Every structure is written in structure tokens, then in C-alpha cells.
PDB file of N, CA and C in Angstrom:
ATOM      1  N   MET A   1    -121.949 134.805  23.304  1.00  0.00           N
ATOM      2  CA  MET A   1    -122.147 133.447  22.899  1.00  0.00           C
ATOM      3  C   MET A   1    -120.949 132.654  22.856  1.00  0.00           C
ATOM      4  N   SER A   2    -120.183 132.797  21.610  1.00  0.00           N
ATOM      5  CA  SER A   2    -119.087 132.113  21.422  1.00  0.00           C
ATOM      6  C   SER A   2    -118.087 132.792  20.950  1.00  0.00           C
ATOM      7  N   ASP A   3    -116.626 132.852  21.292  1.00  0.00           N
ATOM      8  CA  ASP A   3    -115.834 133.769  20.658  1.00  0.00           C
ATOM      9  C   ASP A   3    -114.598 132.813  20.117  1.00  0.00           C
ATOM     10  N   ILE A   4    -114.328 133.300  18.658  1.00  0.00           N
ATOM     11  CA  ILE A   4    -113.533 132.586  18.010  1.00  0.00           C
ATOM     12  C   ILE A   4    -111.993 133.245  18.136  1.00  0.00           C
ATOM     13  N   SER A   5    -111.200 132.340  18.473  1.00  0.00           N
ATOM     14  CA  SER A   5    -109.650 132.783  18.556  1.00  0.00           C
ATOM     15  C   SER A   5    -108.474 131.813  18.344  1.00  0.00           C
ATOM     16  N   ASN A   6    -107.874 132.108  17.650  1.00  0.00           N
ATOM     17  CA  ASN A   6    -106.717 131.210  17.018  1.00  0.00           C
ATOM     18  C   ASN A   6    -107.711 129.919  16.386  1.00  0.00           C
ATOM     19  N   ASN A   7    -108.547 130.202  15.592  1.00  0.00           N
ATOM     20  CA  ASN A   7    -109.249 128.820  15.175  1.00  0.00           C
ATOM     21  C   ASN A   7    -109.862 127.874  16.054  1.00  0.00           C
ATOM     22  N   LYS A   8    -110.189 128.445  17.051  1.00  0.00           N
ATOM     23  CA  LYS A   8    -110.772 127.534  18.446  1.00  0.00           C
ATOM     24  C   LYS A   8    -111.886 128.297  18.841  1.00  0.00           C
ATOM     25  N   ILE A   9    -112.994 127.502  18.984  1.00  0.00           N
ATOM     26  CA  ILE A   9    -114.401 128.037  19.591  1.00  0.00           C
ATOM     27  C   ILE A   9    -114.224 127.869  20.885  1.00  0.00           C
ATOM     28  N   VAL A  10    -114.496 129.024  21.837  1.00  0.00           N
ATOM     29  CA  VAL A  10    -114.595 129.036  23.231  1.00  0.00           C
ATOM     30  C   VAL A  10    -116.453 129.191  23.409  1.00  0.00           C
ATOM     31  N   ILE A  11    -116.895 128.451  24.144  1.00  0.00           N
ATOM     32  CA  ILE A  11    -118.464 128.632  24.476  1.00  0.00           C
ATOM     33  C   ILE A  11    -118.824 129.158  25.626  1.00  0.00           C
ATOM     34  N   ASN A  12    -119.323 130.265  25.588  1.00  0.00           N
ATOM     35  CA  ASN A  12    -119.275 130.770  27.008  1.00  0.00           C
ATOM     36  C   ASN A  12    -120.690 130.399  27.801  1.00  0.00           C
ATOM     37  N   ASP A  13    -121.707 129.843  26.468  1.00  0.00           N
ATOM     38  CA  ASP A  13    -123.134 129.645  27.200  1.00  0.00           C
ATOM     39  C   ASP A  13    -123.437 128.009  26.713  1.00  0.00           C
ATOM     40  N   THR A  14    -123.269 127.267  27.662  1.00  0.00           N
ATOM     41  CA  THR A  14    -123.647 125.908  27.052  1.00  0.00           C
ATOM     42  C   THR A  14    -124.840 125.420  26.578  1.00  0.00           C
ATOM     43  N   SER A  15    -125.904 126.205  26.954  1.00  0.00           N
ATOM     44  CA  SER A  15    -127.189 126.145  26.392  1.00  0.00           C
ATOM     45  C   SER A  15    -127.272 126.148  24.948  1.00  0.00           C
ATOM     46  N   VAL A  16    -126.305 127.253  24.091  1.00  0.00           N
ATOM     47  CA  VAL A  16    -126.639 127.020  22.849  1.00  0.00           C
ATOM     48  C   VAL A  16    -125.959 125.874  22.393  1.00  0.00           C
ATOM     49  N   LEU A  17    -124.679 125.650  22.789  1.00  0.00           N
ATOM     50  CA  LEU A  17    -124.033 124.391  22.341  1.00  0.00           C
ATOM     51  C   LEU A  17    -125.192 122.971  22.357  1.00  0.00           C
ATOM     52  N   GLU A  18    -125.977 123.236  23.592  1.00  0.00           N
ATOM     53  CA  GLU A  18    -126.955 121.850  23.754  1.00  0.00           C
ATOM     54  C   GLU A  18    -128.040 122.124  22.936  1.00  0.00           C
ATOM     55  N   GLU A  19    -128.590 123.144  22.602  1.00  0.00           N
ATOM     56  CA  GLU A  19    -129.583 123.323  21.693  1.00  0.00           C
ATOM     57  C   GLU A  19    -129.208 122.685  20.191  1.00  0.00           C
ATOM     58  N   ALA A  20    -127.722 123.311  20.003  1.00  0.00           N
ATOM     59  CA  ALA A  20    -127.533 123.008  18.631  1.00  0.00           C
ATOM     60  C   ALA A  20    -127.083 121.783  18.347  1.00  0.00           C
ATOM     61  N   CYS A  21    -126.696 120.943  19.339  1.00  0.00           N
ATOM     62  CA  CYS A  21    -126.215 119.622  19.270  1.00  0.00           C
ATOM     63  C   CYS A  21    -127.587 118.812  19.310  1.00  0.00           C
ATOM     64  N   ALA A  22    -128.754 119.276  20.091  1.00  0.00           N
ATOM     65  CA  ALA A  22    -129.914 118.297  19.706  1.00  0.00           C
ATOM     66  C   ALA A  22    -130.405 118.547  18.367  1.00  0.00           C
ATOM     67  N   MET A  23    -130.559 119.760  18.091  1.00  0.00           N
ATOM     68  CA  MET A  23    -130.984 119.841  16.663  1.00  0.00           C
ATOM     69  C   MET A  23    -130.096 118.882  15.779  1.00  0.00           C
ATOM     70  N   VAL A  24    -128.909 119.061  15.549  1.00  0.00           N
ATOM     71  CA  VAL A  24    -128.235 118.058  14.659  1.00  0.00           C
ATOM     72  C   VAL A  24    -128.545 116.596  14.942  1.00  0.00           C
ATOM     73  N   MET A  25    -128.784 116.085  16.325  1.00  0.00           N
ATOM     74  CA  MET A  25    -128.927 114.863  16.627  1.00  0.00           C
ATOM     75  C   MET A  25    -130.408 114.321  15.979  1.00  0.00           C
ATOM     76  N   ARG A  26    -131.558 115.565  16.043  1.00  0.00           N
ATOM     77  CA  ARG A  26    -132.762 115.070  15.664  1.00  0.00           C
ATOM     78  C   ARG A  26    -132.436 114.998  13.947  1.00  0.00           C
ATOM     79  N   GLN A  27    -131.973 115.858  13.408  1.00  0.00           N
ATOM     80  CA  GLN A  27    -131.720 116.057  12.006  1.00  0.00           C
ATOM     81  C   GLN A  27    -130.901 114.610  10.868  1.00  0.00           C
ATOM     82  N   THR A  28    -129.731 114.165  12.061  1.00  0.00           N
ATOM     83  CA  THR A  28    -129.171 113.093  11.589  1.00  0.00           C
ATOM     84  C   THR A  28    -129.197 111.901  12.578  1.00  0.00           C
ATOM     85  N   ASP A  29    -128.095 111.211  12.116  1.00  0.00           N
ATOM     86  CA  ASP A  29    -128.219 109.823  12.993  1.00  0.00           C
ATOM     87  C   ASP A  29    -126.698 109.896  13.833  1.00  0.00           C
ATOM     88  N   TYR A  30    -126.421 111.096  13.872  1.00  0.00           N
ATOM     89  CA  TYR A  30    -125.179 111.489  14.770  1.00  0.00           C
ATOM     90  C   TYR A  30    -125.286 111.043  16.423  1.00  0.00           C
ATOM     91  N   THR A  31    -124.300 110.493  16.832  1.00  0.00           N
ATOM     92  CA  THR A  31    -124.352 110.464  18.372  1.00  0.00           C
ATOM     93  C   THR A  31    -123.924 111.862  18.822  1.00  0.00           C
ATOM     94  N   ARG A  32    -124.222 112.050  20.230  1.00  0.00           N
ATOM     95  CA  ARG A  32    -123.856 113.453  21.020  1.00  0.00           C
ATOM     96  C   ARG A  32    -122.565 113.665  20.676  1.00  0.00           C
ATOM     97  N   GLU A  33    -121.507 112.563  21.127  1.00  0.00           N
ATOM     98  CA  GLU A  33    -120.224 112.975  20.640  1.00  0.00           C
ATOM     99  C   GLU A  33    -119.687 113.388  19.378  1.00  0.00           C
ATOM    100  N   ILE A  34    -120.295 112.965  18.607  1.00  0.00           N
ATOM    101  CA  ILE A  34    -119.906 113.241  16.739  1.00  0.00           C
ATOM    102  C   ILE A  34    -120.768 114.495  16.489  1.00  0.00           C
ATOM    103  N   ALA A  35    -121.987 114.738  17.349  1.00  0.00           N
ATOM    104  CA  ALA A  35    -122.792 116.052  16.913  1.00  0.00           C
ATOM    105  C   ALA A  35    -121.757 117.289  17.414  1.00  0.00           C
ATOM    106  N   ILE A  36    -121.210 117.037  18.648  1.00  0.00           N
ATOM    107  CA  ILE A  36    -120.396 118.021  19.400  1.00  0.00           C
ATOM    108  C   ILE A  36    -119.028 118.422  18.509  1.00  0.00           C
ATOM    109  N   ASN A  37    -118.635 117.361  18.249  1.00  0.00           N
ATOM    110  CA  ASN A  37    -117.185 117.573  17.264  1.00  0.00           C
ATOM    111  C   ASN A  37    -117.637 118.070  15.974  1.00  0.00           C
ATOM    112  N   LYS A  38    -118.707 117.797  15.255  1.00  0.00           N
ATOM    113  CA  LYS A  38    -118.901 118.412  14.146  1.00  0.00           C
ATOM    114  C   LYS A  38    -119.203 120.141  14.312  1.00  0.00           C
ATOM    115  N   LEU A  39    -120.179 120.113  15.532  1.00  0.00           N
ATOM    116  CA  LEU A  39    -120.295 121.647  15.705  1.00  0.00           C
ATOM    117  C   LEU A  39    -119.144 122.480  15.850  1.00  0.00           C
ATOM    118  N   LEU A  40    -118.069 122.070  16.598  1.00  0.00           N
ATOM    119  CA  LEU A  40    -116.809 122.464  16.833  1.00  0.00           C
ATOM    120  C   LEU A  40    -116.211 122.692  15.657  1.00  0.00           C
ATOM    121  N   GLN A  41    -116.153 121.861  14.793  1.00  0.00           N
ATOM    122  CA  GLN A  41    -115.381 121.646  13.620  1.00  0.00           C
ATOM    123  C   GLN A  41    -116.036 122.731  12.343  1.00  0.00           C
ATOM    124  N   TYR A  42    -117.165 122.847  12.476  1.00  0.00           N
ATOM    125  CA  TYR A  42    -117.837 123.888  11.222  1.00  0.00           C
ATOM    126  C   TYR A  42    -118.336 125.026  12.100  1.00  0.00           C
ATOM    127  N   ASP A  43    -117.834 125.501  13.185  1.00  0.00           N
ATOM    128  CA  ASP A  43    -118.058 126.822  13.744  1.00  0.00           C
ATOM    129  C   ASP A  43    -119.424 126.832  14.175  1.00  0.00           C
ATOM    130  N   MET A  44    -120.228 125.813  14.580  1.00  0.00           N
ATOM    131  CA  MET A  44    -121.793 125.899  15.195  1.00  0.00           C
ATOM    132  C   MET A  44    -122.583 126.005  14.001  1.00  0.00           C
ATOM    133  N   ASN A  45    -122.116 125.690  12.480  1.00  0.00           N
ATOM    134  CA  ASN A  45    -123.111 125.780  11.506  1.00  0.00           C
ATOM    135  C   ASN A  45    -123.776 124.582  11.342  1.00  0.00           C
ATOM    136  N   THR A  46    -124.972 124.631  12.025  1.00  0.00           N
ATOM    137  CA  THR A  46    -125.846 122.983  11.683  1.00  0.00           C
ATOM    138  C   THR A  46    -126.085 122.790  10.399  1.00  0.00           C
ATOM    139  N   GLU A  47    -126.250 123.907   9.310  1.00  0.00           N
ATOM    140  CA  GLU A  47    -126.674 123.900   8.050  1.00  0.00           C
ATOM    141  C   GLU A  47    -125.720 123.162   7.433  1.00  0.00           C
ATOM    142  N   ILE A  48    -124.653 123.392   7.451  1.00  0.00           N
ATOM    143  CA  ILE A  48    -123.321 122.618   6.724  1.00  0.00           C
ATOM    144  C   ILE A  48    -123.281 121.288   7.425  1.00  0.00           C
ATOM    145  N   ILE A  49    -123.578 120.874   8.762  1.00  0.00           N
ATOM    146  CA  ILE A  49    -123.221 119.469   8.997  1.00  0.00           C
ATOM    147  C   ILE A  49    -124.386 118.776   8.744  1.00  0.00           C
ATOM    148  N   VAL A  50    -125.763 119.229   8.557  1.00  0.00           N
ATOM    149  CA  VAL A  50    -126.920 118.356   7.822  1.00  0.00           C
ATOM    150  C   VAL A  50    -126.590 118.275   6.480  1.00  0.00           C
ATOM    151  N   ARG A  51    -126.261 119.183   6.150  1.00  0.00           N
ATOM    152  CA  ARG A  51    -126.082 119.150   4.656  1.00  0.00           C
ATOM    153  C   ARG A  51    -124.793 117.910   4.059  1.00  0.00           C
ATOM    154  N   GLU A  52    -123.908 117.935   5.180  1.00  0.00           N
ATOM    155  CA  GLU A  52    -122.663 117.140   4.652  1.00  0.00           C
ATOM    156  C   GLU A  52    -123.295 115.757   5.141  1.00  0.00           C
ATOM    157  N   TRP A  53    -124.006 115.630   5.952  1.00  0.00           N
ATOM    158  CA  TRP A  53    -124.798 114.094   6.461  1.00  0.00           C
ATOM    159  C   TRP A  53    -125.571 113.912   5.391  1.00  0.00           C
ATOM    160  N   MET A  54    -126.196 114.520   4.438  1.00  0.00           N
ATOM    161  CA  MET A  54    -127.093 114.192   3.727  1.00  0.00           C
ATOM    162  C   MET A  54    -126.365 113.977   2.424  1.00  0.00           C
ATOM    163  N   GLY A  55    -125.195 114.394   2.122  1.00  0.00           N
ATOM    164  CA  GLY A  55    -124.449 114.096   0.997  1.00  0.00           C
ATOM    165  C   GLY A  55    -124.401 115.213   0.085  1.00  0.00           C
ATOM    166  N   VAL A  56    -124.908 116.454   0.371  1.00  0.00           N
ATOM    167  CA  VAL A  56    -125.499 117.454  -0.700  1.00  0.00           C
ATOM    168  C   VAL A  56    -124.327 118.483  -0.696  1.00  0.00           C
ATOM    169  N   SER A  57    -123.633 118.686  -1.523  1.00  0.00           N
ATOM    170  CA  SER A  57    -122.394 119.582  -1.461  1.00  0.00           C
ATOM    171  C   SER A  57    -123.002 121.225  -1.427  1.00  0.00           C
ATOM    172  N   VAL A  58    -122.225 121.944  -0.619  1.00  0.00           N
ATOM    173  CA  VAL A  58    -122.357 123.039  -0.311  1.00  0.00           C
ATOM    174  C   VAL A  58    -121.775 124.111  -1.486  1.00  0.00           C
ATOM    175  N   CYS A  59    -122.704 124.738  -2.129  1.00  0.00           N
ATOM    176  CA  CYS A  59    -122.033 125.562  -3.128  1.00  0.00           C
ATOM    177  C   CYS A  59    -121.794 126.908  -2.543  1.00  0.00           C
ATOM    178  N   GLU A  60    -120.832 127.550  -2.677  1.00  0.00           N
ATOM    179  CA  GLU A  60    -119.986 128.875  -2.276  1.00  0.00           C
ATOM    180  C   GLU A  60    -120.680 129.914  -3.303  1.00  0.00           C
ATOM    181  N   SER A  61    -121.107 130.698  -2.880  1.00  0.00           N
ATOM    182  CA  SER A  61    -121.423 131.722  -3.625  1.00  0.00           C
ATOM    183  C   SER A  61    -120.445 132.727  -3.911  1.00  0.00           C
ATOM    184  N   LYS A  62    -120.150 133.466  -5.322  1.00  0.00           N
ATOM    185  CA  LYS A  62    -119.257 134.026  -5.369  1.00  0.00           C
ATOM    186  C   LYS A  62    -119.549 135.342  -4.708  1.00  0.00           C
ATOM    187  N   LYS A  63    -118.213 135.931  -4.104  1.00  0.00           N
ATOM    188  CA  LYS A  63    -118.363 137.355  -3.487  1.00  0.00           C
ATOM    189  C   LYS A  63    -118.348 138.483  -4.265  1.00  0.00           C
ATOM    190  N   MET A  64    -119.505 139.351  -4.433  1.00  0.00           N
ATOM    191  CA  MET A  64    -119.210 140.429  -5.692  1.00  0.00           C
ATOM    192  C   MET A  64    -119.210 141.520  -4.806  1.00  0.00           C
ATOM    193  N   SER A  65    -118.561 142.742  -5.213  1.00  0.00           N
ATOM    194  CA  SER A  65    -118.613 143.840  -4.685  1.00  0.00           C
ATOM    195  C   SER A  65    -119.857 144.909  -5.142  1.00  0.00           C
ATOM    196  N   ASN A  66    -120.040 145.839  -4.325  1.00  0.00           N
ATOM    197  CA  ASN A  66    -121.419 146.431  -4.938  1.00  0.00           C
ATOM    198  C   ASN A  66    -121.360 146.781  -6.337  1.00  0.00           C
ATOM    199  N   ASN A  67    -120.408 147.386  -6.777  1.00  0.00           N
ATOM    200  CA  ASN A  67    -119.731 147.872  -8.102  1.00  0.00           C
ATOM    201  C   ASN A  67    -120.034 146.773  -9.177  1.00  0.00           C
ATOM    202  N   GLN A  68    -119.555 145.668  -8.682  1.00  0.00           N
ATOM    203  CA  GLN A  68    -119.884 144.225  -9.483  1.00  0.00           C
ATOM    204  C   GLN A  68    -121.321 143.943  -9.697  1.00  0.00           C
ATOM    205  N   LYS A  69    -121.985 144.052  -8.582  1.00  0.00           N
ATOM    206  CA  LYS A  69    -123.517 143.686  -8.682  1.00  0.00           C
ATOM    207  C   LYS A  69    -124.151 144.725  -9.696  1.00  0.00           C
ATOM    208  N   VAL A  70    -123.970 146.086  -9.490  1.00  0.00           N
ATOM    209  CA  VAL A  70    -124.357 146.942 -10.247  1.00  0.00           C
ATOM    210  C   VAL A  70    -124.167 146.777 -12.085  1.00  0.00           C
ATOM    211  N   PHE A  71    -122.936 146.420 -12.285  1.00  0.00           N
ATOM    212  CA  PHE A  71    -122.970 146.351 -13.424  1.00  0.00           C
ATOM    213  C   PHE A  71    -123.366 144.859 -14.065  1.00  0.00           C
ATOM    214  N   HIS A  72    -123.490 143.847 -13.073  1.00  0.00           N
ATOM    215  CA  HIS A  72    -124.001 142.615 -13.603  1.00  0.00           C
ATOM    216  C   HIS A  72    -125.574 142.752 -13.865  1.00  0.00           C
ATOM    217  N   GLU A  73    -126.300 143.531 -12.939  1.00  0.00           N
ATOM    218  CA  GLU A  73    -127.321 143.952 -13.339  1.00  0.00           C
ATOM    219  C   GLU A  73    -127.563 144.577 -14.229  1.00  0.00           C
ATOM    220  N   PHE A  74    -126.986 145.721 -14.898  1.00  0.00           N
ATOM    221  CA  PHE A  74    -126.885 146.575 -16.046  1.00  0.00           C
ATOM    222  C   PHE A  74    -127.022 145.829 -17.323  1.00  0.00           C
ATOM    223  N   ARG A  75    -125.766 144.805 -16.815  1.00  0.00           N
ATOM    224  CA  ARG A  75    -125.353 144.045 -18.115  1.00  0.00           C
ATOM    225  C   ARG A  75    -126.821 143.427 -18.469  1.00  0.00           C
ATOM    226  N   THR A  76    -127.473 142.402 -17.418  1.00  0.00           N
ATOM    227  CA  THR A  76    -128.340 141.550 -17.629  1.00  0.00           C
ATOM    228  C   THR A  76    -129.808 142.086 -18.259  1.00  0.00           C
ATOM    229  N   PHE A  77    -129.701 143.546 -17.692  1.00  0.00           N
ATOM    230  CA  PHE A  77    -130.984 144.317 -18.452  1.00  0.00           C
ATOM    231  C   PHE A  77    -130.772 144.639 -19.611  1.00  0.00           C
ATOM    232  N   LEU A  78    -129.779 145.002 -20.347  1.00  0.00           N
ATOM    233  CA  LEU A  78    -129.271 145.210 -21.613  1.00  0.00           C
ATOM    234  C   LEU A  78    -129.458 144.056 -22.196  1.00  0.00           C
ATOM    235  N   ASP A  79    -128.879 142.994 -21.808  1.00  0.00           N
ATOM    236  CA  ASP A  79    -129.054 141.673 -22.797  1.00  0.00           C
ATOM    237  C   ASP A  79    -130.522 140.810 -22.812  1.00  0.00           C
ATOM    238  N   ASP A  80    -131.647 141.512 -21.776  1.00  0.00           N
ATOM    239  CA  ASP A  80    -132.804 141.368 -22.065  1.00  0.00           C
ATOM    240  C   ASP A  80    -133.600 141.872 -23.107  1.00  0.00           C
ATOM    241  N   ALA A  81    -132.853 143.673 -22.964  1.00  0.00           N
ATOM    242  CA  ALA A  81    -133.602 144.507 -23.917  1.00  0.00           C
ATOM    243  C   ALA A  81    -133.165 143.855 -25.357  1.00  0.00           C
ATOM    244  N   ALA A  82    -131.788 143.680 -25.711  1.00  0.00           N
ATOM    245  CA  ALA A  82    -131.527 143.165 -26.687  1.00  0.00           C
ATOM    246  C   ALA A  82    -132.050 142.093 -27.256  1.00  0.00           C
ATOM    247  N   PHE A  83    -132.305 141.103 -26.466  1.00  0.00           N
ATOM    248  CA  PHE A  83    -132.829 140.100 -26.845  1.00  0.00           C
ATOM    249  C   PHE A  83    -134.571 140.017 -27.405  1.00  0.00           C
ATOM    250  N   LYS A  84    -135.279 141.118 -26.686  1.00  0.00           N
ATOM    251  CA  LYS A  84    -136.401 141.295 -26.734  1.00  0.00           C
ATOM    252  C   LYS A  84    -136.589 142.119 -28.118  1.00  0.00           C
ATOM    253  N   TYR A  85    -135.668 142.973 -28.464  1.00  0.00           N
ATOM    254  CA  TYR A  85    -135.713 143.763 -29.525  1.00  0.00           C
ATOM    255  C   TYR A  85    -135.738 143.060 -30.789  1.00  0.00           C
ATOM    256  N   TYR A  86    -134.440 142.042 -30.699  1.00  0.00           N
ATOM    257  CA  TYR A  86    -134.173 141.156 -31.928  1.00  0.00           C
ATOM    258  C   TYR A  86    -135.297 140.033 -32.474  1.00  0.00           C
ATOM    259  N   LYS A  87    -135.999 139.492 -31.171  1.00  0.00           N
ATOM    260  CA  LYS A  87    -136.913 138.982 -31.351  1.00  0.00           C
ATOM    261  C   LYS A  87    -138.359 139.689 -32.012  1.00  0.00           C
ATOM    262  N   ASN A  88    -138.546 140.746 -31.572  1.00  0.00           N
ATOM    263  CA  ASN A  88    -139.717 141.556 -32.146  1.00  0.00           C
ATOM    264  C   ASN A  88    -139.362 142.003 -33.702  1.00  0.00           C
ATOM    265  N   LYS A  89    -138.049 142.263 -33.828  1.00  0.00           N
ATOM    266  CA  LYS A  89    -137.694 142.884 -35.242  1.00  0.00           C
ATOM    267  C   LYS A  89    -137.894 141.500 -36.224  1.00  0.00           C
ATOM    268  N   ASP A  90    -137.616 140.497 -35.959  1.00  0.00           N
ATOM    269  CA  ASP A  90    -137.741 139.113 -36.558  1.00  0.00           C
ATOM    270  C   ASP A  90    -139.108 138.796 -36.935  1.00  0.00           C
ATOM    271  N   THR A  91    -139.885 138.961 -35.939  1.00  0.00           N
ATOM    272  CA  THR A  91    -141.363 138.784 -36.562  1.00  0.00           C
ATOM    273  C   THR A  91    -142.046 139.798 -37.243  1.00  0.00           C
TER     274      THR A  91
END
């Protein structure tokens, strides 16, 4: 499909670029040239391009290791259990 080398995208299959370009043009009011430039700028990620056109900020999720995920879930479970315990204790 595409190769990334030295922060430049080399498109081996032009049909992929054409399909993505057509999709961006359908979703936005960009011309073909602008759509192609945006696709190359954002590494063929059409979702980012449409979000940028709509003015919606792209929130990046925090990368968590598996260990952090386990402890986060464990802490959430314990917090919920403590909340329920103290709620029942007060009534």
C-alpha cells in the first residue's frame, strides 16, 4: 500500500490514494489538490482531516502499559466498592 521513509509517504497503489481523496472531497469542501496535500500531510488518515475541517480537536488518549491498565481497573473497582459500602453504612 504505502511505505513511510524519512517522514515521506511513497504510494505504491494510486487507487488507494484516489479512494481516500474522493472520500475526503465528499466529506469536506476541499479541492482535489488540497485533499491530496492533506492526505500526505496526515499520513493518509482521513479521520484527522475531516475532524480538522469540522474544527473538532483530536484528543490523544494516554498510552498506558498493561500493568497500568490492570492497576487502573483494580483501583476503580476498589473505589466503587468503598463508595457502595459507605453509602449503605450511612443509610
